[in-house]
C-alpha atoms as a PDB file:
ATOM      1  CA  MET A   1    -137.882 -96.291 -36.321  1.00  0.00           C
ATOM      2  CA  ALA A   2    -137.615 -94.504 -39.664  1.00  0.00           C
ATOM      3  CA  TYR A   3    -135.029 -95.016 -42.357  1.00  0.00           C
ATOM      4  CA  GLY A   4    -136.396 -92.865 -45.167  1.00  0.00           C
ATOM      5  CA  LYS A   5    -138.183 -95.684 -46.978  1.00  0.00           C
ATOM      6  CA  THR A   6    -141.428 -95.006 -48.826  1.00  0.00           C
ATOM      7  CA  GLU A   7    -143.393 -96.530 -45.940  1.00  0.00           C
ATOM      8  CA  ASP A   8    -141.680 -94.080 -43.528  1.00  0.00           C
ATOM      9  CA  ILE A   9    -142.695 -91.144 -45.710  1.00  0.00           C
ATOM     10  CA  VAL A  10    -146.299 -92.392 -45.872  1.00  0.00           C
ATOM     11  CA  ASN A  11    -146.219 -92.996 -42.107  1.00  0.00           C
ATOM     12  CA  SER A  12    -145.121 -89.409 -41.487  1.00  0.00           C
ATOM     13  CA  ILE A  13    -148.003 -88.111 -43.578  1.00  0.00           C
ATOM     14  CA  VAL A  14    -150.852 -90.231 -42.237  1.00  0.00           C
ATOM     15  CA  ASN A  15    -149.960 -90.943 -38.599  1.00  0.00           C
ATOM     16  CA  TYR A  16    -149.008 -87.539 -37.204  1.00  0.00           C
ATOM     17  CA  ASN A  17    -151.750 -84.954 -36.818  1.00  0.00           C
ATOM     18  CA  ASP A  18    -150.008 -82.240 -34.828  1.00  0.00           C
ATOM     19  CA  ILE A  19    -146.957 -80.279 -35.868  1.00  0.00           C
ATOM     20  CA  LEU A  20    -144.775 -81.320 -32.921  1.00  0.00           C
ATOM     21  CA  ALA A  21    -145.196 -85.053 -33.540  1.00  0.00           C
ATOM     22  CA  PHE A  22    -144.768 -84.569 -37.306  1.00  0.00           C
ATOM     23  CA  GLN A  23    -141.612 -82.483 -36.849  1.00  0.00           C
ATOM     24  CA  ASN A  24    -140.125 -84.879 -34.304  1.00  0.00           C
ATOM     25  CA  PHE A  25    -140.661 -87.788 -36.691  1.00  0.00           C
ATOM     26  CA  MET A  26    -139.311 -85.916 -39.725  1.00  0.00           C
ATOM     27  CA  GLN A  27    -136.314 -84.322 -38.012  1.00  0.00           C
ATOM     28  CA  GLY A  28    -135.146 -87.129 -35.746  1.00  0.00           C
ATOM     29  CA  GLY A  29    -131.740 -88.691 -36.405  1.00  0.00           C
ATOM     30  CA  THR A  30    -133.376 -91.523 -38.321  1.00  0.00           C
ATOM     31  CA  GLY A  31    -136.286 -89.379 -39.532  1.00  0.00           C
ATOM     32  CA  VAL A  32    -137.014 -88.771 -43.187  1.00  0.00           C
ATOM     33  CA  HIS A  33    -135.144 -85.433 -43.220  1.00  0.00           C
ATOM     34  CA  GLY A  34    -132.056 -86.644 -41.372  1.00  0.00           C
ATOM     35  CA  VAL A  35    -131.589 -89.858 -43.348  1.00  0.00           C
ATOM     36  CA  GLY A  36    -131.475 -87.923 -46.613  1.00  0.00           C
ATOM     37  CA  HIS A  37    -128.451 -86.039 -45.360  1.00  0.00           C
ATOM     38  CA  PHE A  38    -126.769 -89.123 -43.930  1.00  0.00           C
ATOM     39  CA  THR A  39    -127.382 -91.035 -47.153  1.00  0.00           C
ATOM     40  CA  VAL A  40    -125.715 -88.439 -49.355  1.00  0.00           C
ATOM     41  CA  SER A  41    -122.652 -87.529 -47.358  1.00  0.00           C
ATOM     42  CA  GLY A  42    -122.545 -88.787 -43.806  1.00  0.00           C
ATOM     43  CA  ASP A  43    -122.970 -86.148 -41.121  1.00  0.00           C
ATOM     44  CA  PRO A  44    -125.828 -83.780 -42.054  1.00  0.00           C
ATOM     45  CA  GLY A  45    -124.277 -80.943 -40.077  1.00  0.00           C
ATOM     46  CA  GLY A  46    -120.712 -81.731 -41.045  1.00  0.00           C
ATOM     47  CA  ASP A  47    -120.328 -78.721 -43.306  1.00  0.00           C
ATOM     48  CA  PHE A  48    -123.279 -76.382 -42.942  1.00  0.00           C
ATOM     49  CA  TYR A  49    -121.863 -73.871 -45.440  1.00  0.00           C
ATOM     50  CA  ILE A  50    -120.911 -76.250 -48.244  1.00  0.00           C
ATOM     51  CA  SER A  51    -123.801 -78.737 -48.254  1.00  0.00           C
ATOM     52  CA  PRO A  52    -126.243 -76.390 -50.087  1.00  0.00           C
ATOM     53  CA  ASN A  53    -123.827 -76.412 -53.052  1.00  0.00           C
ATOM     54  CA  GLU A  54    -124.482 -80.114 -53.580  1.00  0.00           C
ATOM     55  CA  PRO A  55    -127.293 -80.629 -56.168  1.00  0.00           C
ATOM     56  CA  SER A  56    -128.754 -83.537 -54.210  1.00  0.00           C
ATOM     57  CA  PHE A  57    -129.310 -81.129 -51.285  1.00  0.00           C
ATOM     58  CA  TRP A  58    -131.899 -79.251 -53.352  1.00  0.00           C
ATOM     59  CA  LEU A  59    -133.657 -82.416 -54.517  1.00  0.00           C
ATOM     60  CA  HIS A  60    -133.760 -83.726 -50.970  1.00  0.00           C
ATOM     61  CA  HIS A  61    -135.214 -80.507 -49.582  1.00  0.00           C
ATOM     62  CA  ALA A  62    -137.743 -80.302 -52.407  1.00  0.00           C
ATOM     63  CA  MET A  63    -138.945 -83.740 -51.271  1.00  0.00           C
ATOM     64  CA  ILE A  64    -139.157 -82.550 -47.664  1.00  0.00           C
ATOM     65  CA  ASP A  65    -141.269 -79.599 -48.868  1.00  0.00           C
ATOM     66  CA  ARG A  66    -143.440 -82.017 -50.852  1.00  0.00           C
ATOM     67  CA  ILE A  67    -144.014 -84.226 -47.790  1.00  0.00           C
ATOM     68  CA  TRP A  68    -144.929 -81.148 -45.720  1.00  0.00           C
ATOM     69  CA  THR A  69    -147.391 -79.958 -48.390  1.00  0.00           C
ATOM     70  CA  ILE A  70    -149.094 -83.346 -48.700  1.00  0.00           C
ATOM     71  CA  TRP A  71    -149.294 -83.655 -44.894  1.00  0.00           C
ATOM     72  CA  HIS A  72    -150.780 -80.195 -44.583  1.00  0.00           C
ATOM     73  CA  MET A  73    -153.260 -80.673 -47.462  1.00  0.00           C
ATOM     74  CA  MET A  74    -154.470 -83.889 -45.808  1.00  0.00           C
ATOM     75  CA  GLY A  75    -155.332 -81.969 -42.651  1.00  0.00           C
ATOM     76  CA  GLY A  76    -152.112 -82.209 -40.676  1.00  0.00           C
ATOM     77  CA  GLY A  77    -151.401 -79.315 -38.352  1.00  0.00           C
ATOM     78  CA  ARG A  78    -154.932 -77.959 -38.371  1.00  0.00           C
ATOM     79  CA  ALA A  79    -154.953 -77.849 -34.565  1.00  0.00           C
ATOM     80  CA  GLN A  80    -152.227 -75.216 -34.702  1.00  0.00           C
ATOM     81  CA  SER A  81    -152.799 -71.496 -34.484  1.00  0.00           C
ATOM     82  CA  LEU A  82    -150.904 -68.744 -36.266  1.00  0.00           C
ATOM     83  CA  ASP A  83    -149.942 -67.575 -32.795  1.00  0.00           C
ATOM     84  CA  ASP A  84    -148.210 -70.873 -31.908  1.00  0.00           C
ATOM     85  CA  LEU A  85    -144.487 -70.409 -31.442  1.00  0.00           C
ATOM     86  CA  VAL A  86    -141.690 -71.835 -33.596  1.00  0.00           C
ATOM     87  CA  ASP A  87    -138.241 -72.207 -32.083  1.00  0.00           C
ATOM     88  CA  LEU A  88    -135.649 -72.260 -34.877  1.00  0.00           C
ATOM     89  CA  GLY A  89    -133.015 -73.522 -32.478  1.00  0.00           C
ATOM     90  CA  VAL A  90    -129.411 -72.618 -33.144  1.00  0.00           C
ATOM     91  CA  ILE A  91    -130.163 -70.605 -36.290  1.00  0.00           C
ATOM     92  CA  ALA A  92    -132.140 -67.862 -34.534  1.00  0.00           C
ATOM     93  CA  ASP A  93    -132.128 -66.317 -31.078  1.00  0.00           C
ATOM     94  CA  THR A  94    -135.797 -65.370 -31.317  1.00  0.00           C
ATOM     95  CA  VAL A  95    -138.817 -67.635 -30.997  1.00  0.00           C
ATOM     96  CA  TYR A  96    -141.338 -66.551 -33.653  1.00  0.00           C
ATOM     97  CA  PRO A  97    -145.102 -66.972 -33.938  1.00  0.00           C
ATOM     98  CA  ILE A  98    -146.029 -68.956 -37.044  1.00  0.00           C
ATOM     99  CA  ARG A  99    -147.686 -65.868 -38.586  1.00  0.00           C
ATOM    100  CA  ASP A 100    -144.337 -64.014 -38.604  1.00  0.00           C
ATOM    101  CA  ILE A 101    -142.567 -66.854 -40.381  1.00  0.00           C
ATOM    102  CA  LEU A 102    -145.143 -67.351 -43.129  1.00  0.00           C
ATOM    103  CA  SER A 103    -144.209 -64.204 -45.022  1.00  0.00           C
ATOM    104  CA  SER A 104    -140.876 -64.077 -46.800  1.00  0.00           C
ATOM    105  CA  VAL A 105    -141.123 -60.411 -47.759  1.00  0.00           C
ATOM    106  CA  ASP A 106    -142.538 -58.377 -44.904  1.00  0.00           C
ATOM    107  CA  GLY A 107    -143.338 -58.408 -41.229  1.00  0.00           C
ATOM    108  CA  PRO A 108    -141.258 -59.058 -38.167  1.00  0.00           C
ATOM    109  CA  GLY A 109    -140.224 -62.565 -39.237  1.00  0.00           C
ATOM    110  CA  PRO A 110    -136.639 -63.628 -39.936  1.00  0.00           C
ATOM    111  CA  PHE A 111    -136.929 -64.121 -43.695  1.00  0.00           C
ATOM    112  CA  CYS A 112    -136.585 -61.664 -46.535  1.00  0.00           C
ATOM    113  CA  TYR A 113    -136.490 -63.179 -50.019  1.00  0.00           C
ATOM    114  CA  VAL A 114    -138.455 -63.276 -53.268  1.00  0.00           C
ATOM    115  CA  TYR A 115    -138.390 -66.016 -55.895  1.00  0.00           C
ATOM    116  CA  GLU A 116    -137.772 -64.711 -59.410  1.00  0.00           C
END
């Protein structure tokens, strides 16, 4: 069971080779992603529209991105294909292939943004 400790973060990076297992560990109620939200202000979905205004939200999500990058650079997810499907759950009605989600500026994916 994870509680967001350093050993849980290391565990998520080294012990999960496929994206489903990695995601399930990271996103579970006591996973590294969920505990960050619970630690800061209780229910992570309590106020979906206000939580991104909290500065700690951005630090927390930067850490989640960092964990993903380290996991991926160490070989995690290599068994996946760009044609594998990603279900975004309640935030999107469409299930997208990974290749459509990778681009933030073009293509049939759901995102359209550019960092300045």
